[in-house]
PDB file of N, CA and C in Angstrom:
ATOM      1  N   UNK A   1       8.824   3.142  25.611  1.00  0.00           N
ATOM      2  CA  UNK A   1       9.338   3.443  24.295  1.00  0.00           C
ATOM      3  C   UNK A   1       8.797   2.467  23.254  1.00  0.00           C
ATOM      4  N   UNK A   2       8.734   1.205  23.585  1.00  0.00           N
ATOM      5  CA  UNK A   2       8.245   0.194  22.651  1.00  0.00           C
ATOM      6  C   UNK A   2       6.796   0.461  22.243  1.00  0.00           C
ATOM      7  N   UNK A   3       5.981   0.921  23.190  1.00  0.00           N
ATOM      8  CA  UNK A   3       4.581   1.238  22.862  1.00  0.00           C
ATOM      9  C   UNK A   3       4.501   2.394  21.876  1.00  0.00           C
ATOM     10  N   UNK A   4       5.384   3.384  22.012  1.00  0.00           N
ATOM     11  CA  UNK A   4       5.421   4.505  21.074  1.00  0.00           C
ATOM     12  C   UNK A   4       5.796   4.030  19.676  1.00  0.00           C
ATOM     13  N   UNK A   5       6.768   3.149  19.602  1.00  0.00           N
ATOM     14  CA  UNK A   5       7.183   2.607  18.310  1.00  0.00           C
ATOM     15  C   UNK A   5       6.051   1.798  17.690  1.00  0.00           C
ATOM     16  N   UNK A   6       5.392   0.975  18.489  1.00  0.00           N
ATOM     17  CA  UNK A   6       4.259   0.190  17.986  1.00  0.00           C
ATOM     18  C   UNK A   6       3.161   1.099  17.446  1.00  0.00           C
ATOM     19  N   UNK A   7       2.909   2.218  18.133  1.00  0.00           N
ATOM     20  CA  UNK A   7       1.881   3.159  17.679  1.00  0.00           C
ATOM     21  C   UNK A   7       2.276   3.794  16.344  1.00  0.00           C
ATOM     22  N   UNK A   8       3.524   4.183  16.210  1.00  0.00           N
ATOM     23  CA  UNK A   8       3.996   4.783  14.965  1.00  0.00           C
ATOM     24  C   UNK A   8       3.906   3.783  13.817  1.00  0.00           C
ATOM     25  N   UNK A   9       4.315   2.550  14.061  1.00  0.00           N
ATOM     26  CA  UNK A   9       4.224   1.508  13.024  1.00  0.00           C
ATOM     27  C   UNK A   9       2.768   1.310  12.606  1.00  0.00           C
ATOM     28  N   UNK A  10       1.852   1.316  13.553  1.00  0.00           N
ATOM     29  CA  UNK A  10       0.426   1.168  13.234  1.00  0.00           C
ATOM     30  C   UNK A  10      -0.070   2.349  12.403  1.00  0.00           C
ATOM     31  N   UNK A  11       0.359   3.561  12.737  1.00  0.00           N
ATOM     32  CA  UNK A  11      -0.018   4.754  11.968  1.00  0.00           C
ATOM     33  C   UNK A  11       0.474   4.640  10.526  1.00  0.00           C
ATOM     34  N   UNK A  12       1.706   4.166  10.349  1.00  0.00           N
ATOM     35  CA  UNK A  12       2.252   3.999   8.996  1.00  0.00           C
ATOM     36  C   UNK A  12       1.419   2.979   8.230  1.00  0.00           C
ATOM     37  N   UNK A  13       1.073   1.869   8.860  1.00  0.00           N
ATOM     38  CA  UNK A  13       0.256   0.839   8.190  1.00  0.00           C
ATOM     39  C   UNK A  13      -1.098   1.404   7.769  1.00  0.00           C
ATOM     40  N   UNK A  14      -1.738   2.158   8.647  1.00  0.00           N
ATOM     41  CA  UNK A  14      -3.046   2.762   8.340  1.00  0.00           C
ATOM     42  C   UNK A  14      -2.914   3.717   7.152  1.00  0.00           C
ATOM     43  N   UNK A  15      -1.881   4.533   7.181  1.00  0.00           N
ATOM     44  CA  UNK A  15      -1.676   5.516   6.113  1.00  0.00           C
ATOM     45  C   UNK A  15      -1.321   4.836   4.801  1.00  0.00           C
ATOM     46  N   UNK A  16      -0.465   3.822   4.852  1.00  0.00           N
ATOM     47  CA  UNK A  16      -0.124   3.093   3.628  1.00  0.00           C
ATOM     48  C   UNK A  16      -1.346   2.414   3.026  1.00  0.00           C
ATOM     49  N   UNK A  17      -2.229   1.889   3.858  1.00  0.00           N
ATOM     50  CA  UNK A  17      -3.453   1.268   3.343  1.00  0.00           C
ATOM     51  C   UNK A  17      -4.316   2.304   2.623  1.00  0.00           C
ATOM     52  N   UNK A  18      -4.450   3.486   3.208  1.00  0.00           N
ATOM     53  CA  UNK A  18      -5.235   4.552   2.568  1.00  0.00           C
ATOM     54  C   UNK A  18      -4.608   4.951   1.229  1.00  0.00           C
ATOM     55  N   UNK A  19      -3.296   4.994   1.191  1.00  0.00           N
ATOM     56  CA  UNK A  19      -2.593   5.322  -0.063  1.00  0.00           C
ATOM     57  C   UNK A  19      -2.825   4.224  -1.095  1.00  0.00           C
ATOM     58  N   UNK A  20      -2.700   2.964  -0.683  1.00  0.00           N
ATOM     59  CA  UNK A  20      -2.890   1.846  -1.619  1.00  0.00           C
ATOM     60  C   UNK A  20      -4.346   1.693  -2.048  1.00  0.00           C
ATOM     61  N   UNK A  21      -5.280   2.140  -1.221  1.00  0.00           N
ATOM     62  CA  UNK A  21      -6.683   2.145  -1.661  1.00  0.00           C
ATOM     63  C   UNK A  21      -6.858   3.097  -2.842  1.00  0.00           C
ATOM     64  N   UNK A  22      -6.121   4.195  -2.825  1.00  0.00           N
ATOM     65  CA  UNK A  22      -6.193   5.171  -3.915  1.00  0.00           C
ATOM     66  C   UNK A  22      -5.328   4.753  -5.108  1.00  0.00           C
ATOM     67  N   UNK A  23      -4.194   4.139  -4.828  1.00  0.00           N
ATOM     68  CA  UNK A  23      -3.241   3.743  -5.874  1.00  0.00           C
ATOM     69  C   UNK A  23      -2.822   2.293  -5.668  1.00  0.00           C
ATOM     70  N   UNK A  24      -3.599   1.339  -6.182  1.00  0.00           N
ATOM     71  CA  UNK A  24      -3.202  -0.075  -6.055  1.00  0.00           C
ATOM     72  C   UNK A  24      -1.829  -0.308  -6.674  1.00  0.00           C
ATOM     73  N   UNK A  25      -1.158  -1.348  -6.216  1.00  0.00           N
ATOM     74  CA  UNK A  25       0.191  -1.647  -6.706  1.00  0.00           C
ATOM     75  C   UNK A  25       0.208  -1.821  -8.213  1.00  0.00           C
ATOM     76  N   UNK A  26       1.274  -1.365  -8.800  1.00  0.00           N
ATOM     77  CA  UNK A  26       1.451  -1.479 -10.244  1.00  0.00           C
ATOM     78  C   UNK A  26       2.845  -1.043 -10.625  1.00  0.00           C
ATOM     79  N   UNK A  27       3.155  -1.118 -11.885  1.00  0.00           N
ATOM     80  CA  UNK A  27       4.483  -0.762 -12.386  1.00  0.00           C
ATOM     81  C   UNK A  27       4.517   0.720 -12.711  1.00  0.00           C
ATOM     82  N   UNK A  28       4.607   1.580 -11.648  1.00  0.00           N
ATOM     83  CA  UNK A  28       4.549   3.010 -11.883  1.00  0.00           C
ATOM     84  C   UNK A  28       5.232   3.783 -10.759  1.00  0.00           C
ATOM     85  N   UNK A  29       5.375   5.059 -10.996  1.00  0.00           N
ATOM     86  CA  UNK A  29       5.918   6.009 -10.036  1.00  0.00           C
ATOM     87  C   UNK A  29       4.820   7.039  -9.799  1.00  0.00           C
ATOM     88  N   UNK A  30       4.446   7.270  -8.531  1.00  0.00           N
ATOM     89  CA  UNK A  30       3.325   8.159  -8.226  1.00  0.00           C
ATOM     90  C   UNK A  30       3.759   9.208  -7.206  1.00  0.00           C
ATOM     91  N   UNK A  31       3.392  10.455  -7.465  1.00  0.00           N
ATOM     92  CA  UNK A  31       3.494  11.529  -6.481  1.00  0.00           C
ATOM     93  C   UNK A  31       2.080  12.065  -6.327  1.00  0.00           C
ATOM     94  N   UNK A  32       1.557  12.075  -5.099  1.00  0.00           N
ATOM     95  CA  UNK A  32       0.167  12.472  -4.877  1.00  0.00           C
ATOM     96  C   UNK A  32      -0.012  12.874  -3.415  1.00  0.00           C
ATOM     97  N   UNK A  33      -1.255  13.124  -3.016  1.00  0.00           N
ATOM     98  CA  UNK A  33      -1.565  13.447  -1.627  1.00  0.00           C
ATOM     99  C   UNK A  33      -2.951  12.914  -1.291  1.00  0.00           C
ATOM    100  N   UNK A  34      -3.172  12.671   0.014  1.00  0.00           N
ATOM    101  CA  UNK A  34      -4.468  12.251   0.535  1.00  0.00           C
ATOM    102  C   UNK A  34      -4.732  12.995   1.840  1.00  0.00           C
ATOM    103  N   UNK A  35      -5.977  13.030   2.267  1.00  0.00           N
ATOM    104  CA  UNK A  35      -6.285  13.528   3.599  1.00  0.00           C
ATOM    105  C   UNK A  35      -5.650  12.575   4.605  1.00  0.00           C
ATOM    106  N   UNK A  36      -5.064  13.116   5.651  1.00  0.00           N
ATOM    107  CA  UNK A  36      -4.379  12.275   6.622  1.00  0.00           C
ATOM    108  C   UNK A  36      -5.380  11.434   7.413  1.00  0.00           C
ATOM    109  N   UNK A  37      -5.240  10.105   7.376  1.00  0.00           N
ATOM    110  CA  UNK A  37      -6.142   9.241   8.126  1.00  0.00           C
ATOM    111  C   UNK A  37      -5.824   9.206   9.627  1.00  0.00           C
ATOM    112  N   UNK A  38      -4.722   9.823  10.027  1.00  0.00           N
ATOM    113  CA  UNK A  38      -4.336   9.827  11.433  1.00  0.00           C
ATOM    114  C   UNK A  38      -4.883  11.067  12.146  1.00  0.00           C
ATOM    115  N   UNK A  39      -4.498  12.253  11.685  1.00  0.00           N
ATOM    116  CA  UNK A  39      -4.937  13.478  12.369  1.00  0.00           C
ATOM    117  C   UNK A  39      -6.239  14.043  11.804  1.00  0.00           C
ATOM    118  N   UNK A  40      -6.586  13.630  10.595  1.00  0.00           N
ATOM    119  CA  UNK A  40      -7.815  14.064   9.920  1.00  0.00           C
ATOM    120  C   UNK A  40      -7.852  15.556   9.593  1.00  0.00           C
ATOM    121  N   UNK A  41      -6.755  16.292   9.821  1.00  0.00           N
ATOM    122  CA  UNK A  41      -6.745  17.721   9.508  1.00  0.00           C
ATOM    123  C   UNK A  41      -5.719  18.078   8.440  1.00  0.00           C
ATOM    124  N   UNK A  42      -4.632  17.338   8.375  1.00  0.00           N
ATOM    125  CA  UNK A  42      -3.573  17.621   7.413  1.00  0.00           C
ATOM    126  C   UNK A  42      -3.718  16.780   6.163  1.00  0.00           C
ATOM    127  N   UNK A  43      -2.743  16.916   5.287  1.00  0.00           N
ATOM    128  CA  UNK A  43      -2.700  16.067   4.106  1.00  0.00           C
ATOM    129  C   UNK A  43      -1.350  15.372   4.056  1.00  0.00           C
ATOM    130  N   UNK A  44      -1.377  14.121   3.632  1.00  0.00           N
ATOM    131  CA  UNK A  44      -0.158  13.342   3.492  1.00  0.00           C
ATOM    132  C   UNK A  44       0.267  13.415   2.037  1.00  0.00           C
ATOM    133  N   UNK A  45       1.417  14.004   1.804  1.00  0.00           N
ATOM    134  CA  UNK A  45       2.033  13.989   0.477  1.00  0.00           C
ATOM    135  C   UNK A  45       2.913  12.752   0.432  1.00  0.00           C
ATOM    136  N   UNK A  46       2.856  12.034  -0.684  1.00  0.00           N
ATOM    137  CA  UNK A  46       3.589  10.776  -0.736  1.00  0.00           C
ATOM    138  C   UNK A  46       4.148  10.499  -2.116  1.00  0.00           C
ATOM    139  N   UNK A  47       5.118   9.598  -2.115  1.00  0.00           N
ATOM    140  CA  UNK A  47       5.730   9.086  -3.343  1.00  0.00           C
ATOM    141  C   UNK A  47       5.682   7.571  -3.268  1.00  0.00           C
ATOM    142  N   UNK A  48       5.225   6.940  -4.349  1.00  0.00           N
ATOM    143  CA  UNK A  48       5.243   5.485  -4.464  1.00  0.00           C
ATOM    144  C   UNK A  48       6.248   5.122  -5.547  1.00  0.00           C
ATOM    145  N   UNK A  49       7.118   4.181  -5.242  1.00  0.00           N
ATOM    146  CA  UNK A  49       8.136   3.742  -6.210  1.00  0.00           C
ATOM    147  C   UNK A  49       7.861   2.319  -6.668  1.00  0.00           C
ATOM    148  N   UNK A  50       6.670   2.057  -7.207  1.00  0.00           N
ATOM    149  CA  UNK A  50       6.342   0.705  -7.672  1.00  0.00           C
ATOM    150  C   UNK A  50       7.213   0.278  -8.844  1.00  0.00           C
ATOM    151  N   UNK A  51       7.701   1.221  -9.617  1.00  0.00           N
ATOM    152  CA  UNK A  51       8.544   0.870 -10.760  1.00  0.00           C
ATOM    153  C   UNK A  51       9.915   0.359 -10.310  1.00  0.00           C
ATOM    154  N   UNK A  52      10.300   0.666  -9.070  1.00  0.00           N
ATOM    155  CA  UNK A  52      11.619   0.261  -8.580  1.00  0.00           C
ATOM    156  C   UNK A  52      11.519  -0.813  -7.500  1.00  0.00           C
ATOM    157  N   UNK A  53      10.936  -0.456  -6.344  1.00  0.00           N
ATOM    158  CA  UNK A  53      10.959  -1.385  -5.221  1.00  0.00           C
ATOM    159  C   UNK A  53       9.661  -1.426  -4.409  1.00  0.00           C
ATOM    160  N   UNK A  54       8.661  -0.636  -4.781  1.00  0.00           N
ATOM    161  CA  UNK A  54       7.379  -0.658  -4.082  1.00  0.00           C
ATOM    162  C   UNK A  54       7.345   0.156  -2.807  1.00  0.00           C
ATOM    163  N   UNK A  55       8.413   0.863  -2.503  1.00  0.00           N
ATOM    164  CA  UNK A  55       8.446   1.643  -1.277  1.00  0.00           C
ATOM    165  C   UNK A  55       7.549   2.868  -1.372  1.00  0.00           C
ATOM    166  N   UNK A  56       7.035   3.281  -0.213  1.00  0.00           N
ATOM    167  CA  UNK A  56       6.235   4.494  -0.107  1.00  0.00           C
ATOM    168  C   UNK A  56       6.921   5.408   0.906  1.00  0.00           C
ATOM    169  N   UNK A  57       7.062   6.685   0.548  1.00  0.00           N
ATOM    170  CA  UNK A  57       7.561   7.705   1.450  1.00  0.00           C
ATOM    171  C   UNK A  57       6.408   8.683   1.655  1.00  0.00           C
ATOM    172  N   UNK A  58       6.149   9.086   2.900  1.00  0.00           N
ATOM    173  CA  UNK A  58       5.051  10.000   3.136  1.00  0.00           C
ATOM    174  C   UNK A  58       5.307  10.951   4.284  1.00  0.00           C
ATOM    175  N   UNK A  59       4.601  12.093   4.241  1.00  0.00           N
ATOM    176  CA  UNK A  59       4.753  13.111   5.287  1.00  0.00           C
ATOM    177  C   UNK A  59       3.454  13.897   5.396  1.00  0.00           C
ATOM    178  N   UNK A  60       2.924  13.990   6.620  1.00  0.00           N
ATOM    179  CA  UNK A  60       1.712  14.776   6.865  1.00  0.00           C
ATOM    180  C   UNK A  60       2.079  16.239   7.066  1.00  0.00           C
ATOM    181  N   UNK A  61       1.217  17.124   6.599  1.00  0.00           N
ATOM    182  CA  UNK A  61       1.448  18.555   6.740  1.00  0.00           C
ATOM    183  C   UNK A  61       1.228  19.055   8.167  1.00  0.00           C
ATOM    184  N   UNK A  62       0.590  18.247   9.009  1.00  0.00           N
ATOM    185  CA  UNK A  62       0.356  18.628  10.404  1.00  0.00           C
ATOM    186  C   UNK A  62       1.621  18.358  11.224  1.00  0.00           C
ATOM    187  N   UNK A  63       2.034  19.346  11.991  1.00  0.00           N
ATOM    188  CA  UNK A  63       3.225  19.207  12.818  1.00  0.00           C
ATOM    189  C   UNK A  63       3.082  18.032  13.787  1.00  0.00           C
ATOM    190  N   UNK A  64       4.124  17.250  13.933  1.00  0.00           N
ATOM    191  CA  UNK A  64       4.189  16.097  14.842  1.00  0.00           C
ATOM    192  C   UNK A  64       3.241  14.960  14.476  1.00  0.00           C
ATOM    193  N   UNK A  65       2.801  14.906  13.241  1.00  0.00           N
ATOM    194  CA  UNK A  65       1.979  13.774  12.779  1.00  0.00           C
ATOM    195  C   UNK A  65       2.902  12.787  12.072  1.00  0.00           C
ATOM    196  N   UNK A  66       2.349  12.014  11.155  1.00  0.00           N
ATOM    197  CA  UNK A  66       3.060  10.907  10.516  1.00  0.00           C
ATOM    198  C   UNK A  66       4.097  11.399   9.493  1.00  0.00           C
ATOM    199  N   UNK A  67       5.242  10.727   9.482  1.00  0.00           N
ATOM    200  CA  UNK A  67       6.283  10.982   8.491  1.00  0.00           C
ATOM    201  C   UNK A  67       7.180   9.761   8.466  1.00  0.00           C
ATOM    202  N   UNK A  68       7.456   9.210   7.270  1.00  0.00           N
ATOM    203  CA  UNK A  68       8.299   8.016   7.189  1.00  0.00           C
ATOM    204  C   UNK A  68       8.918   7.883   5.810  1.00  0.00           C
ATOM    205  N   UNK A  69       9.974   7.078   5.763  1.00  0.00           N
ATOM    206  CA  UNK A  69      10.635   6.701   4.517  1.00  0.00           C
ATOM    207  C   UNK A  69      10.931   5.206   4.587  1.00  0.00           C
ATOM    208  N   UNK A  70      10.703   4.519   3.495  1.00  0.00           N
ATOM    209  CA  UNK A  70      11.062   3.093   3.418  1.00  0.00           C
ATOM    210  C   UNK A  70      12.334   2.963   2.627  1.00  0.00           C
TER     211      UNK A  70
END
């Protein structure tokens, strides 16, 4: 179970980096999408709340791929 959690955490880090490459930190609220860096077939729709707390929420359109909320 721990290995599965570690893998999911790594996927989130990879996806967050791809999102931050497109939208560097700043005082703003962003709703956007990117090609999924994990499955390479879906798209990750995400929200960045830099104006509030810097959290990113994201979800891949591919079933059983990445999805998280901070």
